[in-house]
Amino acid sequence: GLSEIKSFIEEIYAWLEVGKKRRNAGL
């Protein structure tokens, strides 16, 4: 179960990963 929790963890990962790429792009 815990489908909503799993989706949340995916969101957090995506936000952190994109944050790294934004910093590398000077954003």
mmCIF file of all heavy atoms, coordinates in Angstrom:
data_MODEL
# 
_entry.id   MODEL 
# 
loop_
_atom_site.group_PDB 
_atom_site.id 
_atom_site.type_symbol 
_atom_site.label_atom_id 
_atom_site.label_alt_id 
_atom_site.label_comp_id 
_atom_site.label_asym_id 
_atom_site.label_entity_id 
_atom_site.label_seq_id 
_atom_site.pdbx_PDB_ins_code 
_atom_site.Cartn_x 
_atom_site.Cartn_y 
_atom_site.Cartn_z 
_atom_site.occupancy 
_atom_site.B_iso_or_equiv 
_atom_site.pdbx_formal_charge 
_atom_site.auth_seq_id 
_atom_site.auth_comp_id 
_atom_site.auth_asym_id 
_atom_site.auth_atom_id 
_atom_site.pdbx_PDB_model_num 
ATOM 1   N N   . GLY A 1 1  ? 0.818  -1.208 0.000   1.00 0.00 ? 1  GLY A N   1 
ATOM 2   C CA  . GLY A 1 1  ? 0.000  0.000  0.000   1.00 0.00 ? 1  GLY A CA  1 
ATOM 3   C C   . GLY A 1 1  ? 0.852  1.259  0.000   1.00 0.00 ? 1  GLY A C   1 
ATOM 4   O O   . GLY A 1 1  ? 1.893  1.333  -0.652  1.00 0.00 ? 1  GLY A O   1 
ATOM 5   N N   . LEU A 1 2  ? 0.400  2.296  0.719   1.00 0.00 ? 2  LEU A N   1 
ATOM 6   C CA  . LEU A 1 2  ? 1.122  3.566  0.876   1.00 0.00 ? 2  LEU A CA  1 
ATOM 7   C C   . LEU A 1 2  ? 1.418  4.239  -0.463  1.00 0.00 ? 2  LEU A C   1 
ATOM 8   O O   . LEU A 1 2  ? 2.471  4.836  -0.654  1.00 0.00 ? 2  LEU A O   1 
ATOM 9   C CB  . LEU A 1 2  ? 2.428  3.348  1.646   1.00 0.00 ? 2  LEU A CB  1 
ATOM 10  C CG  . LEU A 1 2  ? 2.312  2.769  3.060   1.00 0.00 ? 2  LEU A CG  1 
ATOM 11  C CD1 . LEU A 1 2  ? 3.691  2.573  3.662   1.00 0.00 ? 2  LEU A CD1 1 
ATOM 12  C CD2 . LEU A 1 2  ? 1.470  3.652  3.949   1.00 0.00 ? 2  LEU A CD2 1 
ATOM 13  N N   . SER A 1 3  ? 0.487  4.176  -1.397  1.00 0.00 ? 3  SER A N   1 
ATOM 14  C CA  . SER A 1 3  ? 0.715  4.748  -2.723  1.00 0.00 ? 3  SER A CA  1 
ATOM 15  C C   . SER A 1 3  ? 0.966  6.250  -2.661  1.00 0.00 ? 3  SER A C   1 
ATOM 16  O O   . SER A 1 3  ? 1.825  6.778  -3.388  1.00 0.00 ? 3  SER A O   1 
ATOM 17  C CB  . SER A 1 3  ? -0.465 4.448  -3.645  1.00 0.00 ? 3  SER A CB  1 
ATOM 18  O OG  . SER A 1 3  ? -1.678 4.968  -3.107  1.00 0.00 ? 3  SER A OG  1 
ATOM 19  N N   . GLU A 1 4  ? 0.235  6.963  -1.807  1.00 0.00 ? 4  GLU A N   1 
ATOM 20  C CA  . GLU A 1 4  ? 0.431  8.402  -1.693  1.00 0.00 ? 4  GLU A CA  1 
ATOM 21  C C   . GLU A 1 4  ? 1.804  8.727  -1.116  1.00 0.00 ? 4  GLU A C   1 
ATOM 22  O O   . GLU A 1 4  ? 2.451  9.695  -1.529  1.00 0.00 ? 4  GLU A O   1 
ATOM 23  C CB  . GLU A 1 4  ? -0.665 9.009  -0.810  1.00 0.00 ? 4  GLU A CB  1 
ATOM 24  C CG  . GLU A 1 4  ? -2.057 8.975  -1.409  1.00 0.00 ? 4  GLU A CG  1 
ATOM 25  C CD  . GLU A 1 4  ? -2.159 9.848  -2.649  1.00 0.00 ? 4  GLU A CD  1 
ATOM 26  O OE1 . GLU A 1 4  ? -1.675 10.996 -2.607  1.00 0.00 ? 4  GLU A OE1 1 
ATOM 27  O OE2 . GLU A 1 4  ? -2.705 9.380  -3.659  1.00 0.00 ? 4  GLU A OE2 1 
ATOM 28  N N   . ILE A 1 5  ? 2.270  7.925  -0.162  1.00 0.00 ? 5  ILE A N   1 
ATOM 29  C CA  . ILE A 1 5  ? 3.586  8.154  0.447   1.00 0.00 ? 5  ILE A CA  1 
ATOM 30  C C   . ILE A 1 5  ? 4.676  7.929  -0.588  1.00 0.00 ? 5  ILE A C   1 
ATOM 31  O O   . ILE A 1 5  ? 5.646  8.698  -0.680  1.00 0.00 ? 5  ILE A O   1 
ATOM 32  C CB  . ILE A 1 5  ? 3.794  7.202  1.650   1.00 0.00 ? 5  ILE A CB  1 
ATOM 33  C CG1 . ILE A 1 5  ? 2.624  7.308  2.631   1.00 0.00 ? 5  ILE A CG1 1 
ATOM 34  C CG2 . ILE A 1 5  ? 5.119  7.504  2.327   1.00 0.00 ? 5  ILE A CG2 1 
ATOM 35  C CD1 . ILE A 1 5  ? 2.386  8.660  3.213   1.00 0.00 ? 5  ILE A CD1 1 
ATOM 36  N N   . LYS A 1 6  ? 4.522  6.888  -1.386  1.00 0.00 ? 6  LYS A N   1 
ATOM 37  C CA  . LYS A 1 6  ? 5.510  6.591  -2.422  1.00 0.00 ? 6  LYS A CA  1 
ATOM 38  C C   . LYS A 1 6  ? 5.568  7.715  -3.455  1.00 0.00 ? 6  LYS A C   1 
ATOM 39  O O   . LYS A 1 6  ? 6.645  8.087  -3.924  1.00 0.00 ? 6  LYS A O   1 
ATOM 40  C CB  . LYS A 1 6  ? 5.176  5.253  -3.080  1.00 0.00 ? 6  LYS A CB  1 
ATOM 41  C CG  . LYS A 1 6  ? 5.333  4.066  -2.138  1.00 0.00 ? 6  LYS A CG  1 
ATOM 42  C CD  . LYS A 1 6  ? 4.811  2.776  -2.743  1.00 0.00 ? 6  LYS A CD  1 
ATOM 43  C CE  . LYS A 1 6  ? 4.901  1.628  -1.756  1.00 0.00 ? 6  LYS A CE  1 
ATOM 44  N NZ  . LYS A 1 6  ? 4.331  0.366  -2.284  1.00 0.00 ? 6  LYS A NZ  1 
ATOM 45  N N   . SER A 1 7  ? 4.409  8.260  -3.809  1.00 0.00 ? 7  SER A N   1 
ATOM 46  C CA  . SER A 1 7  ? 4.369  9.373  -4.760  1.00 0.00 ? 7  SER A CA  1 
ATOM 47  C C   . SER A 1 7  ? 5.050  10.602 -4.180  1.00 0.00 ? 7  SER A C   1 
ATOM 48  O O   . SER A 1 7  ? 5.751  11.332 -4.890  1.00 0.00 ? 7  SER A O   1 
ATOM 49  C CB  . SER A 1 7  ? 2.921  9.703  -5.129  1.00 0.00 ? 7  SER A CB  1 
ATOM 50  O OG  . SER A 1 7  ? 2.321  8.644  -5.831  1.00 0.00 ? 7  SER A OG  1 
ATOM 51  N N   . PHE A 1 8  ? 4.873  10.833 -2.878  1.00 0.00 ? 8  PHE A N   1 
ATOM 52  C CA  . PHE A 1 8  ? 5.513  11.968 -2.225  1.00 0.00 ? 8  PHE A CA  1 
ATOM 53  C C   . PHE A 1 8  ? 7.034  11.839 -2.285  1.00 0.00 ? 8  PHE A C   1 
ATOM 54  O O   . PHE A 1 8  ? 7.741  12.809 -2.586  1.00 0.00 ? 8  PHE A O   1 
ATOM 55  C CB  . PHE A 1 8  ? 5.058  12.066 -0.767  1.00 0.00 ? 8  PHE A CB  1 
ATOM 56  C CG  . PHE A 1 8  ? 5.959  12.924 0.081   1.00 0.00 ? 8  PHE A CG  1 
ATOM 57  C CD1 . PHE A 1 8  ? 5.945  14.297 -0.043  1.00 0.00 ? 8  PHE A CD1 1 
ATOM 58  C CD2 . PHE A 1 8  ? 6.844  12.341 0.979   1.00 0.00 ? 8  PHE A CD2 1 
ATOM 59  C CE1 . PHE A 1 8  ? 6.795  15.090 0.720   1.00 0.00 ? 8  PHE A CE1 1 
ATOM 60  C CE2 . PHE A 1 8  ? 7.693  13.118 1.740   1.00 0.00 ? 8  PHE A CE2 1 
ATOM 61  C CZ  . PHE A 1 8  ? 7.674  14.496 1.615   1.00 0.00 ? 8  PHE A CZ  1 
ATOM 62  N N   . ILE A 1 9  ? 7.560  10.657 -1.999  1.00 0.00 ? 9  ILE A N   1 
ATOM 63  C CA  . ILE A 1 9  ? 9.003  10.460 -2.027  1.00 0.00 ? 9  ILE A CA  1 
ATOM 64  C C   . ILE A 1 9  ? 9.534  10.685 -3.444  1.00 0.00 ? 9  ILE A C   1 
ATOM 65  O O   . ILE A 1 9  ? 10.621 11.244 -3.647  1.00 0.00 ? 9  ILE A O   1 
ATOM 66  C CB  . ILE A 1 9  ? 9.362  9.052  -1.507  1.00 0.00 ? 9  ILE A CB  1 
ATOM 67  C CG1 . ILE A 1 9  ? 9.059  8.974  -0.003  1.00 0.00 ? 9  ILE A CG1 1 
ATOM 68  C CG2 . ILE A 1 9  ? 10.826 8.710  -1.772  1.00 0.00 ? 9  ILE A CG2 1 
ATOM 69  C CD1 . ILE A 1 9  ? 9.340  7.633  0.628   1.00 0.00 ? 9  ILE A CD1 1 
ATOM 70  N N   . GLU A 1 10 ? 8.762  10.287 -4.425  1.00 0.00 ? 10 GLU A N   1 
ATOM 71  C CA  . GLU A 1 10 ? 9.150  10.538 -5.817  1.00 0.00 ? 10 GLU A CA  1 
ATOM 72  C C   . GLU A 1 10 ? 9.192  12.038 -6.102  1.00 0.00 ? 10 GLU A C   1 
ATOM 73  O O   . GLU A 1 10 ? 10.096 12.528 -6.796  1.00 0.00 ? 10 GLU A O   1 
ATOM 74  C CB  . GLU A 1 10 ? 8.159  9.842  -6.752  1.00 0.00 ? 10 GLU A CB  1 
ATOM 75  C CG  . GLU A 1 10 ? 8.614  9.772  -8.193  1.00 0.00 ? 10 GLU A CG  1 
ATOM 76  C CD  . GLU A 1 10 ? 7.704  8.903  -9.039  1.00 0.00 ? 10 GLU A CD  1 
ATOM 77  O OE1 . GLU A 1 10 ? 6.918  8.126  -8.466  1.00 0.00 ? 10 GLU A OE1 1 
ATOM 78  O OE2 . GLU A 1 10 ? 7.786  9.017  -10.271 1.00 0.00 ? 10 GLU A OE2 1 
ATOM 79  N N   . GLU A 1 11 ? 8.229  12.777 -5.572  1.00 0.00 ? 11 GLU A N   1 
ATOM 80  C CA  . GLU A 1 11 ? 8.211  14.234 -5.726  1.00 0.00 ? 11 GLU A CA  1 
ATOM 81  C C   . GLU A 1 11 ? 9.459  14.860 -5.120  1.00 0.00 ? 11 GLU A C   1 
ATOM 82  O O   . GLU A 1 11 ? 10.091 15.736 -5.728  1.00 0.00 ? 11 GLU A O   1 
ATOM 83  C CB  . GLU A 1 11 ? 6.984  14.823 -5.028  1.00 0.00 ? 11 GLU A CB  1 
ATOM 84  C CG  . GLU A 1 11 ? 5.672  14.574 -5.713  1.00 0.00 ? 11 GLU A CG  1 
ATOM 85  C CD  . GLU A 1 11 ? 4.524  15.113 -4.869  1.00 0.00 ? 11 GLU A CD  1 
ATOM 86  O OE1 . GLU A 1 11 ? 4.778  15.987 -4.014  1.00 0.00 ? 11 GLU A OE1 1 
ATOM 87  O OE2 . GLU A 1 11 ? 3.392  14.644 -5.048  1.00 0.00 ? 11 GLU A OE2 1 
ATOM 88  N N   . ILE A 1 12 ? 9.782  14.446 -3.887  1.00 0.00 ? 12 ILE A N   1 
ATOM 89  C CA  . ILE A 1 12 ? 10.940 15.010 -3.194  1.00 0.00 ? 12 ILE A CA  1 
ATOM 90  C C   . ILE A 1 12 ? 12.213 14.741 -3.985  1.00 0.00 ? 12 ILE A C   1 
ATOM 91  O O   . ILE A 1 12 ? 13.068 15.618 -4.161  1.00 0.00 ? 12 ILE A O   1 
ATOM 92  C CB  . ILE A 1 12 ? 11.057 14.423 -1.772  1.00 0.00 ? 12 ILE A CB  1 
ATOM 93  C CG1 . ILE A 1 12 ? 9.936  14.977 -0.883  1.00 0.00 ? 12 ILE A CG1 1 
ATOM 94  C CG2 . ILE A 1 12 ? 12.412 14.751 -1.158  1.00 0.00 ? 12 ILE A CG2 1 
ATOM 95  C CD1 . ILE A 1 12 ? 10.044 16.459 -0.576  1.00 0.00 ? 12 ILE A CD1 1 
ATOM 96  N N   . TYR A 1 13 ? 12.348 13.507 -4.480  1.00 0.00 ? 13 TYR A N   1 
ATOM 97  C CA  . TYR A 1 13 ? 13.529 13.169 -5.268  1.00 0.00 ? 13 TYR A CA  1 
ATOM 98  C C   . TYR A 1 13 ? 13.612 14.049 -6.508  1.00 0.00 ? 13 TYR A C   1 
ATOM 99  O O   . TYR A 1 13 ? 14.682 14.598 -6.842  1.00 0.00 ? 13 TYR A O   1 
ATOM 100 C CB  . TYR A 1 13 ? 13.500 11.696 -5.666  1.00 0.00 ? 13 TYR A CB  1 
ATOM 101 C CG  . TYR A 1 13 ? 14.588 11.363 -6.667  1.00 0.00 ? 13 TYR A CG  1 
ATOM 102 C CD1 . TYR A 1 13 ? 15.885 11.128 -6.245  1.00 0.00 ? 13 TYR A CD1 1 
ATOM 103 C CD2 . TYR A 1 13 ? 14.306 11.337 -8.035  1.00 0.00 ? 13 TYR A CD2 1 
ATOM 104 C CE1 . TYR A 1 13 ? 16.891 10.860 -7.162  1.00 0.00 ? 13 TYR A CE1 1 
ATOM 105 C CE2 . TYR A 1 13 ? 15.310 11.064 -8.952  1.00 0.00 ? 13 TYR A CE2 1 
ATOM 106 C CZ  . TYR A 1 13 ? 16.599 10.824 -8.516  1.00 0.00 ? 13 TYR A CZ  1 
ATOM 107 O OH  . TYR A 1 13 ? 17.583 10.567 -9.423  1.00 0.00 ? 13 TYR A OH  1 
ATOM 108 N N   . ALA A 1 14 ? 12.500 14.179 -7.220  1.00 0.00 ? 14 ALA A N   1 
ATOM 109 C CA  . ALA A 1 14 ? 12.484 14.979 -8.452  1.00 0.00 ? 14 ALA A CA  1 
ATOM 110 C C   . ALA A 1 14 ? 12.872 16.424 -8.168  1.00 0.00 ? 14 ALA A C   1 
ATOM 111 O O   . ALA A 1 14 ? 13.657 17.033 -8.908  1.00 0.00 ? 14 ALA A O   1 
ATOM 112 C CB  . ALA A 1 14 ? 11.098 14.913 -9.094  1.00 0.00 ? 14 ALA A CB  1 
ATOM 113 N N   . TRP A 1 15 ? 12.328 16.989 -7.088  1.00 0.00 ? 15 TRP A N   1 
ATOM 114 C CA  . TRP A 1 15 ? 12.635 18.377 -6.732  1.00 0.00 ? 15 TRP A CA  1 
ATOM 115 C C   . TRP A 1 15 ? 14.122 18.550 -6.423  1.00 0.00 ? 15 TRP A C   1 
ATOM 116 O O   . TRP A 1 15 ? 14.757 19.511 -6.882  1.00 0.00 ? 15 TRP A O   1 
ATOM 117 C CB  . TRP A 1 15 ? 11.781 18.794 -5.527  1.00 0.00 ? 15 TRP A CB  1 
ATOM 118 C CG  . TRP A 1 15 ? 12.216 20.092 -4.927  1.00 0.00 ? 15 TRP A CG  1 
ATOM 119 C CD1 . TRP A 1 15 ? 12.142 21.332 -5.474  1.00 0.00 ? 15 TRP A CD1 1 
ATOM 120 C CD2 . TRP A 1 15 ? 12.826 20.262 -3.643  1.00 0.00 ? 15 TRP A CD2 1 
ATOM 121 N NE1 . TRP A 1 15 ? 12.665 22.276 -4.616  1.00 0.00 ? 15 TRP A NE1 1 
ATOM 122 C CE2 . TRP A 1 15 ? 13.085 21.641 -3.489  1.00 0.00 ? 15 TRP A CE2 1 
ATOM 123 C CE3 . TRP A 1 15 ? 13.162 19.387 -2.617  1.00 0.00 ? 15 TRP A CE3 1 
ATOM 124 C CZ2 . TRP A 1 15 ? 13.687 22.149 -2.338  1.00 0.00 ? 15 TRP A CZ2 1 
ATOM 125 C CZ3 . TRP A 1 15 ? 13.743 19.895 -1.464  1.00 0.00 ? 15 TRP A CZ3 1 
ATOM 126 C CH2 . TRP A 1 15 ? 14.010 21.263 -1.343  1.00 0.00 ? 15 TRP A CH2 1 
ATOM 127 N N   . LEU A 1 16 ? 14.699 17.618 -5.672  1.00 0.00 ? 16 LEU A N   1 
ATOM 128 C CA  . LEU A 1 16 ? 16.116 17.707 -5.332  1.00 0.00 ? 16 LEU A CA  1 
ATOM 129 C C   . LEU A 1 16 ? 16.995 17.547 -6.573  1.00 0.00 ? 16 LEU A C   1 
ATOM 130 O O   . LEU A 1 16 ? 17.985 18.260 -6.747  1.00 0.00 ? 16 LEU A O   1 
ATOM 131 C CB  . LEU A 1 16 ? 16.470 16.628 -4.297  1.00 0.00 ? 16 LEU A CB  1 
ATOM 132 C CG  . LEU A 1 16 ? 15.864 16.804 -2.906  1.00 0.00 ? 16 LEU A CG  1 
ATOM 133 C CD1 . LEU A 1 16 ? 16.125 15.563 -2.056  1.00 0.00 ? 16 LEU A CD1 1 
ATOM 134 C CD2 . LEU A 1 16 ? 16.427 18.031 -2.221  1.00 0.00 ? 16 LEU A CD2 1 
ATOM 135 N N   . GLU A 1 17 ? 16.628 16.614 -7.447  1.00 0.00 ? 17 GLU A N   1 
ATOM 136 C CA  . GLU A 1 17 ? 17.418 16.362 -8.656  1.00 0.00 ? 17 GLU A CA  1 
ATOM 137 C C   . GLU A 1 17 ? 17.375 17.558 -9.594  1.00 0.00 ? 17 GLU A C   1 
ATOM 138 O O   . GLU A 1 17 ? 18.404 17.980 -10.129 1.00 0.00 ? 17 GLU A O   1 
ATOM 139 C CB  . GLU A 1 17 ? 16.886 15.102 -9.349  1.00 0.00 ? 17 GLU A CB  1 
ATOM 140 C CG  . GLU A 1 17 ? 17.702 14.652 -10.546 1.00 0.00 ? 17 GLU A CG  1 
ATOM 141 C CD  . GLU A 1 17 ? 19.083 14.148 -10.170 1.00 0.00 ? 17 GLU A CD  1 
ATOM 142 O OE1 . GLU A 1 17 ? 19.328 13.864 -8.977  1.00 0.00 ? 17 GLU A OE1 1 
ATOM 143 O OE2 . GLU A 1 17 ? 19.934 14.051 -11.083 1.00 0.00 ? 17 GLU A OE2 1 
ATOM 144 N N   . VAL A 1 18 ? 16.190 18.117 -9.783  1.00 0.00 ? 18 VAL A N   1 
ATOM 145 C CA  . VAL A 1 18 ? 16.064 19.283 -10.659 1.00 0.00 ? 18 VAL A CA  1 
ATOM 146 C C   . VAL A 1 18 ? 16.780 20.479 -10.041 1.00 0.00 ? 18 VAL A C   1 
ATOM 147 O O   . VAL A 1 18 ? 17.372 21.301 -10.755 1.00 0.00 ? 18 VAL A O   1 
ATOM 148 C CB  . VAL A 1 18 ? 14.583 19.600 -10.930 1.00 0.00 ? 18 VAL A CB  1 
ATOM 149 C CG1 . VAL A 1 18 ? 14.436 20.933 -11.657 1.00 0.00 ? 18 VAL A CG1 1 
ATOM 150 C CG2 . VAL A 1 18 ? 13.952 18.493 -11.755 1.00 0.00 ? 18 VAL A CG2 1 
ATOM 151 N N   . GLY A 1 19 ? 16.751 20.589 -8.716  1.00 0.00 ? 19 GLY A N   1 
ATOM 152 C CA  . GLY A 1 19 ? 17.472 21.668 -8.046  1.00 0.00 ? 19 GLY A CA  1 
ATOM 153 C C   . GLY A 1 19 ? 18.958 21.635 -8.357  1.00 0.00 ? 19 GLY A C   1 
ATOM 154 O O   . GLY A 1 19 ? 19.588 22.678 -8.601  1.00 0.00 ? 19 GLY A O   1 
ATOM 155 N N   . LYS A 1 20 ? 19.536 20.440 -8.383  1.00 0.00 ? 20 LYS A N   1 
ATOM 156 C CA  . LYS A 1 20 ? 20.954 20.304 -8.736  1.00 0.00 ? 20 LYS A CA  1 
ATOM 157 C C   . LYS A 1 20 ? 21.204 20.796 -10.161 1.00 0.00 ? 20 LYS A C   1 
ATOM 158 O O   . LYS A 1 20 ? 22.166 21.527 -10.430 1.00 0.00 ? 20 LYS A O   1 
ATOM 159 C CB  . LYS A 1 20 ? 21.372 18.830 -8.642  1.00 0.00 ? 20 LYS A CB  1 
ATOM 160 C CG  . LYS A 1 20 ? 21.513 18.287 -7.234  1.00 0.00 ? 20 LYS A CG  1 
ATOM 161 C CD  . LYS A 1 20 ? 21.984 16.846 -7.308  1.00 0.00 ? 20 LYS A CD  1 
ATOM 162 C CE  . LYS A 1 20 ? 22.149 16.223 -5.933  1.00 0.00 ? 20 LYS A CE  1 
ATOM 163 N NZ  . LYS A 1 20 ? 22.609 14.813 -6.023  1.00 0.00 ? 20 LYS A NZ  1 
ATOM 164 N N   . LYS A 1 21 ? 20.341 20.406 -11.067 1.00 0.00 ? 21 LYS A N   1 
ATOM 165 C CA  . LYS A 1 21 ? 20.507 20.776 -12.471 1.00 0.00 ? 21 LYS A CA  1 
ATOM 166 C C   . LYS A 1 21 ? 20.313 22.283 -12.660 1.00 0.00 ? 21 LYS A C   1 
ATOM 167 O O   . LYS A 1 21 ? 20.985 22.911 -13.478 1.00 0.00 ? 21 LYS A O   1 
ATOM 168 C CB  . LYS A 1 21 ? 19.536 19.976 -13.342 1.00 0.00 ? 21 LYS A CB  1 
ATOM 169 C CG  . LYS A 1 21 ? 19.801 18.471 -13.324 1.00 0.00 ? 21 LYS A CG  1 
ATOM 170 C CD  . LYS A 1 21 ? 18.851 17.726 -14.228 1.00 0.00 ? 21 LYS A CD  1 
ATOM 171 C CE  . LYS A 1 21 ? 19.065 16.206 -14.129 1.00 0.00 ? 21 LYS A CE  1 
ATOM 172 N NZ  . LYS A 1 21 ? 20.399 15.777 -14.535 1.00 0.00 ? 21 LYS A NZ  1 
ATOM 173 N N   . ARG A 1 22 ? 19.391 22.873 -11.908 1.00 0.00 ? 22 ARG A N   1 
ATOM 174 C CA  . ARG A 1 22 ? 19.183 24.320 -11.997 1.00 0.00 ? 22 ARG A CA  1 
ATOM 175 C C   . ARG A 1 22 ? 20.421 25.072 -11.518 1.00 0.00 ? 22 ARG A C   1 
ATOM 176 O O   . ARG A 1 22 ? 20.826 26.072 -12.121 1.00 0.00 ? 22 ARG A O   1 
ATOM 177 C CB  . ARG A 1 22 ? 17.946 24.727 -11.183 1.00 0.00 ? 22 ARG A CB  1 
ATOM 178 C CG  . ARG A 1 22 ? 16.622 24.380 -11.840 1.00 0.00 ? 22 ARG A CG  1 
ATOM 179 C CD  . ARG A 1 22 ? 15.450 24.774 -10.950 1.00 0.00 ? 22 ARG A CD  1 
ATOM 180 N NE  . ARG A 1 22 ? 15.439 26.193 -10.671 1.00 0.00 ? 22 ARG A NE  1 
ATOM 181 C CZ  . ARG A 1 22 ? 14.849 27.112 -11.438 1.00 0.00 ? 22 ARG A CZ  1 
ATOM 182 N NH1 . ARG A 1 22 ? 14.230 26.735 -12.547 1.00 0.00 ? 22 ARG A NH1 1 
ATOM 183 N NH2 . ARG A 1 22 ? 14.875 28.379 -11.103 1.00 0.00 ? 22 ARG A NH2 1 
ATOM 184 N N   . ARG A 1 23 ? 21.013 24.598 -10.425 1.00 0.00 ? 23 ARG A N   1 
ATOM 185 C CA  . ARG A 1 23 ? 22.235 25.249 -9.939  1.00 0.00 ? 23 ARG A CA  1 
ATOM 186 C C   . ARG A 1 23 ? 23.351 25.147 -10.977 1.00 0.00 ? 23 ARG A C   1 
ATOM 187 O O   . ARG A 1 23 ? 24.086 26.109 -11.215 1.00 0.00 ? 23 ARG A O   1 
ATOM 188 C CB  . ARG A 1 23 ? 22.673 24.631 -8.613  1.00 0.00 ? 23 ARG A CB  1 
ATOM 189 C CG  . ARG A 1 23 ? 21.832 25.039 -7.415  1.00 0.00 ? 23 ARG A CG  1 
ATOM 190 C CD  . ARG A 1 23 ? 22.476 24.634 -6.101  1.00 0.00 ? 23 ARG A CD  1 
ATOM 191 N NE  . ARG A 1 23 ? 22.546 23.180 -5.959  1.00 0.00 ? 23 ARG A NE  1 
ATOM 192 C CZ  . ARG A 1 23 ? 21.573 22.444 -5.457  1.00 0.00 ? 23 ARG A CZ  1 
ATOM 193 N NH1 . ARG A 1 23 ? 20.438 23.007 -5.069  1.00 0.00 ? 23 ARG A NH1 1 
ATOM 194 N NH2 . ARG A 1 23 ? 21.717 21.134 -5.343  1.00 0.00 ? 23 ARG A NH2 1 
ATOM 195 N N   . ASN A 1 24 ? 23.495 23.981 -11.581 1.00 0.00 ? 24 ASN A N   1 
ATOM 196 C CA  . ASN A 1 24 ? 24.518 23.807 -12.604 1.00 0.00 ? 24 ASN A CA  1 
ATOM 197 C C   . ASN A 1 24 ? 24.279 24.696 -13.814 1.00 0.00 ? 24 ASN A C   1 
ATOM 198 O O   . ASN A 1 24 ? 25.214 25.072 -14.520 1.00 0.00 ? 24 ASN A O   1 
ATOM 199 C CB  . ASN A 1 24 ? 24.572 22.344 -13.044 1.00 0.00 ? 24 ASN A CB  1 
ATOM 200 C CG  . ASN A 1 24 ? 25.099 21.437 -11.948 1.00 0.00 ? 24 ASN A CG  1 
ATOM 201 O OD1 . ASN A 1 24 ? 25.789 21.886 -11.028 1.00 0.00 ? 24 ASN A OD1 1 
ATOM 202 N ND2 . ASN A 1 24 ? 24.761 20.156 -12.030 1.00 0.00 ? 24 ASN A ND2 1 
ATOM 203 N N   . ALA A 1 25 ? 23.010 25.025 -14.050 1.00 0.00 ? 25 ALA A N   1 
ATOM 204 C CA  . ALA A 1 25 ? 22.651 25.887 -15.177 1.00 0.00 ? 25 ALA A CA  1 
ATOM 205 C C   . ALA A 1 25 ? 22.665 27.363 -14.794 1.00 0.00 ? 25 ALA A C   1 
ATOM 206 O O   . ALA A 1 25 ? 22.323 28.224 -15.605 1.00 0.00 ? 25 ALA A O   1 
ATOM 207 C CB  . ALA A 1 25 ? 21.271 25.499 -15.715 1.00 0.00 ? 25 ALA A CB  1 
ATOM 208 N N   . GLY A 1 26 ? 23.060 27.662 -13.542 1.00 0.00 ? 26 GLY A N   1 
ATOM 209 C CA  . GLY A 1 26 ? 23.124 29.051 -13.092 1.00 0.00 ? 26 GLY A CA  1 
ATOM 210 C C   . GLY A 1 26 ? 21.779 29.638 -12.736 1.00 0.00 ? 26 GLY A C   1 
ATOM 211 O O   . GLY A 1 26 ? 21.636 30.866 -12.663 1.00 0.00 ? 26 GLY A O   1 
ATOM 212 N N   . LEU A 1 27 ? 20.787 28.779 -12.489 1.00 0.00 ? 27 LEU A N   1 
ATOM 213 C CA  . LEU A 1 27 ? 19.459 29.259 -12.134 1.00 0.00 ? 27 LEU A CA  1 
ATOM 214 C C   . LEU A 1 27 ? 19.262 29.251 -10.616 1.00 0.00 ? 27 LEU A C   1 
ATOM 215 O O   . LEU A 1 27 ? 19.933 28.523 -9.889  1.00 0.00 ? 27 LEU A O   1 
ATOM 216 C CB  . LEU A 1 27 ? 18.393 28.366 -12.784 1.00 0.00 ? 27 LEU A CB  1 
ATOM 217 C CG  . LEU A 1 27 ? 18.374 28.359 -14.316 1.00 0.00 ? 27 LEU A CG  1 
ATOM 218 C CD1 . LEU A 1 27 ? 17.432 27.289 -14.828 1.00 0.00 ? 27 LEU A CD1 1 
ATOM 219 C CD2 . LEU A 1 27 ? 17.975 29.730 -14.849 1.00 0.00 ? 27 LEU A CD2 1 
# 
